[in-house]
């Protein structure tokens, strides 16, 4: 108990000083057998619409089973942002500040709190200002297949100009027909939430990252594009006939054996490229569509694994340089990392959500959490 008191006080101090978050005194509940008592405790004390956050400390034994049970309840049956921490974590003396900061960071992201956003460099500002002159939506779409063969689709879409708030939705796909229907339903809901958050304005440009694509998947991507367009056609009839948003559709390869190095004669001859490196030489990026390799992440151990992007559709006036620059900036907006990651944030969120729904929840998450990053 004294250790817990110290840890909670440290967590509140970190939240206040580091993130300007005011954490109130929590209501503490205890159970000796979480797998049996936890559902009853949650039903008794979690009040939908009033309870703001639930934090669970799990024992080392059966931690995965307890985690899955807890998330099933807090993400599906009693929807509330939640966080799980292993009890051993509060007893660690090393890197305590870093651990506390990471926990607060995740709590903030799960509670509608944007952590940061990216400002364009001065020389590129006019280009981005022109791009953001009208409402823009960034989307990530991914399908995850579980070990049992179940397929889950997730769609994550930005809701504001800073790309710091998102709609998140996931559905199980039982066949190809349900895949199209689910995609349309998720896209429709994202458009409605975008309008609600932007004074009834709808996006004039859609930038879609579709992962993780293999060569045999390309024909199905045409079907997905038609499904998305069908939703836009319905929206045009409801909003105004001239609503024809521009679409940029980018496929991200599932796997690629390509490795890229920079010449460093002073350091063992070669080294990993710096974060933000792009390779778009046609001799290397041989593809039917305009494509490029990007190393967004900074790699200090091993070799950097680039991501391969193929631009299947884009407006004629949008340059590949701009798409590459936008992709890099989006890789800095993943709130589970303080540095650039390999993929643009909307796609990484979609991948994380699809896997979370398929392996942890194994059912559709509550719609009440759709505007939070509850799956981080």
Protein backbone atom coordinates (compact mmCIF):
# COMPACT_ATOMS: atom_id res chain seq x y z
CA UNK A 1 0.00 0.00 0.00
CA UNK A 2 2.72 2.62 0.82
CA UNK A 3 4.47 1.77 -2.46
CA UNK A 4 1.19 2.28 -4.32
CA UNK A 5 0.60 5.64 -2.60
CA UNK A 6 4.04 6.86 -3.63
CA UNK A 7 3.55 5.63 -7.19
CA UNK A 8 0.13 7.31 -7.59
CA UNK A 9 1.49 10.60 -6.22
CA UNK A 10 4.41 10.40 -8.65
CA UNK A 11 2.00 9.69 -11.51
CA UNK A 12 -0.12 12.74 -10.62
CA UNK A 13 2.98 14.93 -10.33
CA UNK A 14 4.28 13.77 -13.72
CA UNK A 15 0.89 14.44 -15.29
CA UNK A 16 0.69 17.94 -13.84
CA UNK A 17 4.26 19.12 -14.42
CA UNK A 18 4.97 17.35 -17.70
CA UNK A 19 1.59 17.39 -19.45
CA UNK A 20 -0.53 19.98 -17.58
CA UNK A 21 -2.99 17.21 -16.76
CA UNK A 22 -4.84 17.35 -13.44
CA UNK A 23 -5.46 13.82 -12.14
CA UNK A 24 -7.90 13.60 -9.27
CA UNK A 25 -7.71 11.20 -6.36
CA UNK A 26 -8.71 7.79 -7.75
CA UNK A 27 -11.27 5.43 -6.29
CA UNK A 28 -9.30 2.32 -5.29
CA UNK A 29 -10.76 -1.15 -5.66
CA UNK A 30 -9.08 -4.45 -4.80
CA UNK A 31 -9.76 -8.05 -5.74
CA UNK A 32 -7.93 -11.25 -4.86
CA UNK A 33 -9.06 -13.21 -7.92
CA UNK A 34 -9.36 -10.80 -10.90
CA UNK A 35 -10.69 -13.42 -13.31
CA UNK A 36 -13.68 -13.98 -11.04
CA UNK A 37 -14.19 -10.67 -9.23
CA UNK A 38 -13.19 -8.11 -11.88
CA UNK A 39 -16.41 -8.19 -13.97
CA UNK A 40 -18.54 -7.71 -10.84
CA UNK A 41 -16.37 -4.79 -9.64
CA UNK A 42 -16.59 -3.07 -13.01
CA UNK A 43 -20.36 -3.50 -13.22
CA UNK A 44 -20.77 -2.11 -9.73
CA UNK A 45 -18.49 0.93 -9.99
CA UNK A 46 -18.09 1.97 -13.65
CA UNK A 47 -20.80 4.45 -14.61
CA UNK A 48 -21.00 5.07 -18.35
CA UNK A 49 -20.76 8.78 -19.05
CA UNK A 50 -19.38 9.59 -15.60
CA UNK A 51 -16.37 7.34 -15.06
CA UNK A 52 -13.50 9.04 -16.92
CA UNK A 53 -10.76 6.43 -16.77
CA UNK A 54 -10.05 2.99 -15.33
CA UNK A 55 -6.50 1.88 -14.53
CA UNK A 56 -5.84 -1.77 -13.69
CA UNK A 57 -2.73 -3.15 -12.04
CA UNK A 58 -2.36 -6.82 -12.86
CA UNK A 59 -0.28 -9.50 -11.15
CA UNK A 60 2.39 -11.32 -13.13
CA UNK A 61 0.41 -14.56 -13.06
CA UNK A 62 -2.30 -14.83 -15.72
CA UNK A 63 -1.61 -11.23 -16.77
CA UNK A 64 -2.63 -11.87 -20.39
CA UNK A 65 -5.93 -13.51 -19.45
CA UNK A 66 -6.73 -10.73 -16.97
CA UNK A 67 -5.76 -8.09 -19.55
CA UNK A 68 -8.05 -9.58 -22.19
CA UNK A 69 -10.96 -9.92 -19.73
CA UNK A 70 -10.50 -6.33 -18.57
CA UNK A 71 -10.34 -4.94 -22.10
CA UNK A 72 -13.40 -6.91 -23.20
CA UNK A 73 -15.38 -5.19 -20.46
CA UNK A 74 -13.96 -1.66 -20.79
CA UNK A 75 -13.98 -1.60 -24.60
CA UNK A 76 -17.20 -3.46 -25.33
CA UNK A 77 -19.62 -3.84 -22.43
CA UNK A 78 -18.80 -0.84 -20.20
CA UNK A 79 -17.01 1.51 -22.65
CA UNK A 80 -14.50 3.71 -20.84
CA UNK A 81 -10.85 4.61 -21.60
CA UNK A 82 -8.58 2.23 -19.70
CA UNK A 83 -4.98 1.36 -19.05
CA UNK A 84 -3.31 -1.83 -17.78
CA UNK A 85 -0.06 -1.81 -15.81
CA UNK A 86 1.76 -4.83 -14.46
CA UNK A 87 2.21 -4.61 -10.68
CA UNK A 88 5.95 -5.19 -11.08
CA UNK A 89 6.19 -1.86 -12.91
CA UNK A 90 5.52 0.26 -9.82
CA UNK A 91 8.41 -1.41 -7.97
CA UNK A 92 11.01 -0.65 -10.61
CA UNK A 93 13.56 1.93 -9.57
CA UNK A 94 15.26 2.33 -12.92
CA UNK A 95 13.79 4.61 -15.59
CA UNK A 96 10.87 5.47 -13.30
CA UNK A 97 10.42 8.92 -14.81
CA UNK A 98 10.35 7.52 -18.34
CA UNK A 99 7.81 4.85 -17.38
CA UNK A 100 5.54 7.39 -15.66
CA UNK A 101 5.75 9.75 -18.64
CA UNK A 102 4.83 6.94 -21.04
CA UNK A 103 1.81 5.97 -18.91
CA UNK A 104 0.57 9.56 -18.69
CA UNK A 105 1.14 9.97 -22.41
CA UNK A 106 -1.05 6.96 -23.16
CA UNK A 107 -3.73 8.07 -20.69
CA UNK A 108 -3.82 11.48 -22.34
CA UNK A 109 -4.07 10.00 -25.85
CA UNK A 110 -6.90 7.71 -24.73
CA UNK A 111 -8.80 10.63 -23.18
CA UNK A 112 -9.27 12.83 -26.25
CA UNK A 113 -6.01 14.69 -25.53
CA UNK A 114 -3.74 15.49 -28.53
CA UNK A 115 -0.09 15.31 -27.50
CA UNK A 116 1.56 17.21 -30.36
CA UNK A 117 1.23 18.12 -34.02
CA UNK A 118 3.64 18.91 -36.84
CA UNK A 119 4.24 22.34 -38.35
CA UNK A 120 5.62 22.41 -41.91
CA UNK A 121 9.07 23.82 -42.50
CA UNK A 122 9.07 27.48 -43.48
CA UNK A 123 10.10 26.87 -47.09
CA UNK A 124 7.24 24.38 -47.50
CA UNK A 125 4.57 26.32 -45.65
CA UNK A 126 2.92 27.79 -48.80
CA UNK A 127 2.58 24.28 -50.23
CA UNK A 128 0.95 22.96 -47.07
CA UNK A 129 -1.20 26.07 -46.67
CA UNK A 130 -2.59 25.48 -50.15
CA UNK A 131 -3.16 21.82 -49.34
CA UNK A 132 -4.98 22.63 -46.08
CA UNK A 133 -6.95 25.51 -47.55
CA UNK A 134 -9.91 23.15 -47.67
CA UNK A 135 -10.78 20.39 -45.18
CA UNK A 136 -8.56 17.30 -45.51
CA UNK A 137 -8.99 13.82 -44.06
CA UNK A 138 -6.10 11.36 -43.61
CA UNK A 139 -7.13 7.70 -43.47
CA UNK A 140 -5.47 4.43 -42.61
CA UNK A 141 -7.10 1.13 -43.61
CA UNK A 142 -5.78 -2.27 -42.63
CA UNK A 143 -6.98 -5.87 -42.46
CA UNK A 144 -5.53 -8.22 -39.84
CA UNK A 145 -5.93 -11.99 -39.97
CA UNK A 146 -5.75 -13.86 -36.67
CA UNK A 147 -4.11 -17.25 -36.19
CA UNK A 148 -7.61 -18.74 -36.29
CA UNK A 149 -8.28 -17.31 -39.74
CA UNK A 150 -10.61 -14.48 -38.69
CA UNK A 151 -10.17 -11.21 -40.59
CA UNK A 152 -10.68 -7.84 -38.95
CA UNK A 153 -10.81 -4.53 -40.79
CA UNK A 154 -9.94 -1.25 -39.10
CA UNK A 155 -10.33 2.26 -40.45
CA UNK A 156 -8.79 5.27 -38.69
CA UNK A 157 -9.44 8.81 -40.00
CA UNK A 158 -8.22 12.23 -38.89
CA UNK A 159 -10.87 14.71 -37.77
CA UNK A 160 -8.95 17.98 -37.61
CA UNK A 161 -6.38 20.01 -39.51
CA UNK A 162 -3.57 19.19 -37.08
CA UNK A 163 -4.22 15.47 -37.58
CA UNK A 164 -4.22 14.99 -33.82
CA UNK A 165 -7.77 13.68 -33.31
CA UNK A 166 -9.10 10.54 -34.94
CA UNK A 167 -12.13 8.41 -35.63
CA UNK A 168 -11.41 4.70 -35.09
CA UNK A 169 -13.63 1.81 -36.12
CA UNK A 170 -13.19 -1.96 -36.51
CA UNK A 171 -15.38 -4.76 -37.86
CA UNK A 172 -14.95 -8.48 -38.53
CA UNK A 173 -15.03 -9.51 -42.21
CA UNK A 174 -16.49 -12.95 -42.79
CA UNK A 175 -16.31 -12.85 -46.61
CA UNK A 176 -15.48 -10.52 -49.50
CA UNK A 177 -19.00 -9.08 -49.53
CA UNK A 178 -18.86 -8.15 -45.85
CA UNK A 179 -15.46 -6.56 -46.46
CA UNK A 180 -16.98 -4.01 -48.87
CA UNK A 181 -20.02 -3.41 -46.66
CA UNK A 182 -17.89 -2.94 -43.54
CA UNK A 183 -15.55 -0.58 -45.35
CA UNK A 184 -18.48 1.54 -46.50
CA UNK A 185 -20.04 1.62 -43.02
CA UNK A 186 -16.78 2.61 -41.35
CA UNK A 187 -16.08 5.27 -43.98
CA UNK A 188 -19.59 6.68 -43.67
CA UNK A 189 -19.26 6.96 -39.88
CA UNK A 190 -15.87 8.66 -40.26
CA UNK A 191 -17.37 11.25 -42.63
CA UNK A 192 -20.23 11.94 -40.22
CA UNK A 193 -17.85 12.46 -37.30
CA UNK A 194 -15.63 14.66 -39.46
CA UNK A 195 -18.63 16.86 -40.26
CA UNK A 196 -19.64 17.00 -36.58
CA UNK A 197 -16.14 18.17 -35.64
CA UNK A 198 -15.80 20.74 -38.46
CA UNK A 199 -18.99 22.82 -38.41
CA UNK A 200 -20.73 20.47 -40.84
CA UNK A 201 -17.93 20.75 -43.40
CA UNK A 202 -16.90 17.59 -45.25
CA UNK A 203 -13.37 16.79 -46.47
CA UNK A 204 -12.42 18.10 -49.90
CA UNK A 205 -9.38 15.85 -50.15
CA UNK A 206 -8.92 12.29 -48.88
CA UNK A 207 -5.43 10.85 -48.40
CA UNK A 208 -5.77 7.09 -47.89
CA UNK A 209 -2.98 4.73 -46.80
CA UNK A 210 -3.93 1.10 -47.40
CA UNK A 211 -1.76 -1.56 -45.77
CA UNK A 212 -0.41 -4.19 -45.88
CA UNK A 213 -0.69 -4.98 -49.58
CA UNK A 214 0.77 -7.90 -51.51
CA UNK A 215 0.95 -8.19 -55.30
CA UNK A 216 -2.16 -10.37 -55.53
CA UNK A 217 -4.19 -7.80 -53.55
CA UNK A 218 -4.11 -5.05 -56.17
CA UNK A 219 -7.29 -6.12 -58.03
CA UNK A 220 -9.25 -6.01 -54.75
CA UNK A 221 -8.02 -2.46 -54.12
CA UNK A 222 -10.00 -1.31 -57.15
CA UNK A 223 -13.10 -2.77 -55.50
CA UNK A 224 -12.29 -0.93 -52.28
CA UNK A 225 -11.90 2.34 -54.15
CA UNK A 226 -15.28 1.83 -55.81
CA UNK A 227 -16.82 1.08 -52.40
CA UNK A 228 -15.42 4.33 -50.99
CA UNK A 229 -16.60 6.25 -54.04
CA UNK A 230 -20.12 4.85 -53.60
CA UNK A 231 -20.25 6.37 -50.11
CA UNK A 232 -19.09 9.71 -51.50
CA UNK A 233 -21.78 9.56 -54.18
CA UNK A 234 -24.46 9.09 -51.51
CA UNK A 235 -22.95 11.95 -49.50
CA UNK A 236 -23.04 14.18 -52.59
CA UNK A 237 -26.79 13.64 -52.95
CA UNK A 238 -27.37 14.48 -49.29
CA UNK A 239 -25.00 17.45 -49.15
CA UNK A 240 -24.79 18.95 -52.61
CA UNK A 241 -24.44 17.56 -56.11
CA UNK A 242 -21.05 19.22 -56.77
CA UNK A 243 -19.33 17.43 -53.88
CA UNK A 244 -16.47 15.61 -55.63
CA UNK A 245 -13.49 15.40 -53.25
CA UNK A 246 -10.02 14.66 -54.52
CA UNK A 247 -8.60 11.25 -53.57
CA UNK A 248 -5.02 10.18 -53.03
CA UNK A 249 -4.82 6.41 -52.57
CA UNK A 250 -1.50 4.92 -51.46
CA UNK A 251 -0.83 1.20 -51.07
CA UNK A 252 1.83 0.17 -48.53
CA UNK A 253 3.61 -3.13 -49.16
CA UNK A 254 3.25 -5.84 -46.54
CA UNK A 255 6.82 -7.09 -46.84
CA UNK A 256 9.87 -6.02 -48.78
CA UNK A 257 13.41 -7.34 -48.82
CA UNK A 258 14.90 -4.01 -49.90
CA UNK A 259 17.62 -2.56 -47.69
CA UNK A 260 19.08 0.90 -48.18
CA UNK A 261 22.38 2.22 -46.84
CA UNK A 262 24.22 5.51 -46.93
CA UNK A 263 27.94 5.71 -47.63
CA UNK A 264 29.95 6.61 -44.55
CA UNK A 265 33.69 6.12 -45.22
CA UNK A 266 34.46 7.30 -41.70
CA UNK A 267 32.14 4.75 -40.03
CA UNK A 268 32.67 1.21 -41.32
CA UNK A 269 32.00 2.38 -44.90
CA UNK A 270 28.19 2.19 -44.66
CA UNK A 271 25.47 3.22 -42.21
CA UNK A 272 21.71 3.31 -41.93
CA UNK A 273 20.14 6.30 -43.71
CA UNK A 274 18.91 9.21 -41.63
CA UNK A 275 15.27 9.46 -40.65
CA UNK A 276 13.27 10.92 -43.52
CA UNK A 277 15.33 9.37 -46.31
CA UNK A 278 13.41 8.74 -49.55
CA UNK A 279 14.48 6.69 -52.58
CA UNK A 280 12.34 7.07 -55.70
CA UNK A 281 14.72 6.20 -58.54
CA UNK A 282 12.69 4.30 -61.20
CA UNK A 283 15.54 1.78 -61.53
CA UNK A 284 14.96 0.77 -57.91
CA UNK A 285 11.24 1.46 -57.56
CA UNK A 286 10.07 -0.57 -60.53
CA UNK A 287 6.28 -0.56 -60.38
CA UNK A 288 3.22 -0.07 -62.55
CA UNK A 289 2.37 2.92 -60.35
CA UNK A 290 4.52 5.83 -59.10
CA UNK A 291 6.28 4.51 -56.00
CA UNK A 292 9.00 5.23 -53.48
CA UNK A 293 10.84 3.75 -50.52
CA UNK A 294 10.85 5.75 -47.29
CA UNK A 295 12.88 5.29 -44.14
CA UNK A 296 10.94 7.39 -41.66
CA UNK A 297 12.33 5.83 -38.50
CA UNK A 298 15.76 6.32 -36.97
CA UNK A 299 17.54 2.98 -36.58
CA UNK A 300 20.58 2.60 -34.31
CA UNK A 301 20.70 -1.20 -34.13
CA UNK A 302 20.58 -3.60 -37.06
CA UNK A 303 19.51 -2.44 -40.52
CA UNK A 304 16.69 -0.03 -41.23
CA UNK A 305 13.67 -1.60 -42.94
CA UNK A 306 12.15 0.81 -45.48
CA UNK A 307 8.47 1.00 -46.25
CA UNK A 308 7.39 0.80 -49.89
CA UNK A 309 4.60 3.12 -51.02
CA UNK A 310 2.76 2.87 -54.36
CA UNK A 311 0.54 5.78 -55.33
CA UNK A 312 -2.44 4.24 -57.11
CA UNK A 313 -4.42 7.45 -57.43
CA UNK A 314 -3.69 11.14 -56.94
CA UNK A 315 -4.71 14.55 -58.31
CA UNK A 316 -2.67 15.69 -61.29
CA UNK A 317 -1.49 18.80 -59.46
CA UNK A 318 -0.13 16.86 -56.46
CA UNK A 319 3.58 16.14 -56.74
CA UNK A 320 5.30 13.00 -55.54
CA UNK A 321 7.66 15.21 -53.49
CA UNK A 322 4.67 16.52 -51.55
CA UNK A 323 3.31 13.01 -50.94
CA UNK A 324 6.71 11.90 -49.65
CA UNK A 325 6.97 14.90 -47.36
CA UNK A 326 3.42 14.42 -46.06
CA UNK A 327 4.07 10.71 -45.43
CA UNK A 328 7.15 11.51 -43.34
CA UNK A 329 5.31 14.09 -41.25
CA UNK A 330 2.48 11.69 -40.56
CA UNK A 331 5.03 9.16 -39.24
CA UNK A 332 5.72 11.62 -36.41
CA UNK A 333 2.12 11.66 -35.18
CA UNK A 334 1.92 8.21 -33.61
CA UNK A 335 1.24 8.93 -29.95
CA UNK A 336 2.80 5.70 -28.70
CA UNK A 337 6.26 6.88 -29.78
CA UNK A 338 8.22 10.07 -29.24
CA UNK A 339 10.03 9.65 -32.57
CA UNK A 340 9.16 8.92 -36.18
CA UNK A 341 7.91 5.41 -36.88
CA UNK A 342 8.13 3.31 -40.04
CA UNK A 343 4.54 3.98 -41.17
CA UNK A 344 2.30 7.06 -41.29
CA UNK A 345 0.32 7.35 -38.07
CA UNK A 346 -3.20 6.74 -39.46
CA UNK A 347 -2.08 3.42 -40.95
CA UNK A 348 -0.21 2.40 -37.80
CA UNK A 349 -3.30 3.17 -35.72
CA UNK A 350 -5.42 1.08 -38.10
CA UNK A 351 -2.99 -1.82 -37.86
CA UNK A 352 -2.93 -1.58 -34.07
CA UNK A 353 -6.73 -1.44 -33.86
CA UNK A 354 -7.35 -4.35 -36.26
CA UNK A 355 -4.93 -6.56 -34.32
CA UNK A 356 -6.35 -5.43 -30.96
CA UNK A 357 -9.93 -6.18 -32.02
CA UNK A 358 -9.00 -9.57 -33.49
CA UNK A 359 -6.70 -10.90 -30.76
CA UNK A 360 -7.83 -9.17 -27.56
CA UNK A 361 -11.50 -8.20 -27.88
CA UNK A 362 -12.59 -10.79 -30.46
CA UNK A 363 -15.74 -8.74 -30.89
CA UNK A 364 -16.58 -5.28 -32.19
CA UNK A 365 -15.56 -2.47 -29.81
CA UNK A 366 -18.19 -0.09 -28.51
CA UNK A 367 -19.04 2.83 -30.76
CA UNK A 368 -18.81 5.09 -27.69
CA UNK A 369 -15.00 4.87 -27.86
CA UNK A 370 -14.69 5.66 -31.56
CA UNK A 371 -13.19 9.12 -30.95
CA UNK A 372 -10.47 7.85 -28.62
CA UNK A 373 -7.25 5.93 -29.15
CA UNK A 374 -8.38 3.30 -26.64
CA UNK A 375 -6.33 0.54 -28.30
CA UNK A 376 -2.89 2.03 -27.68
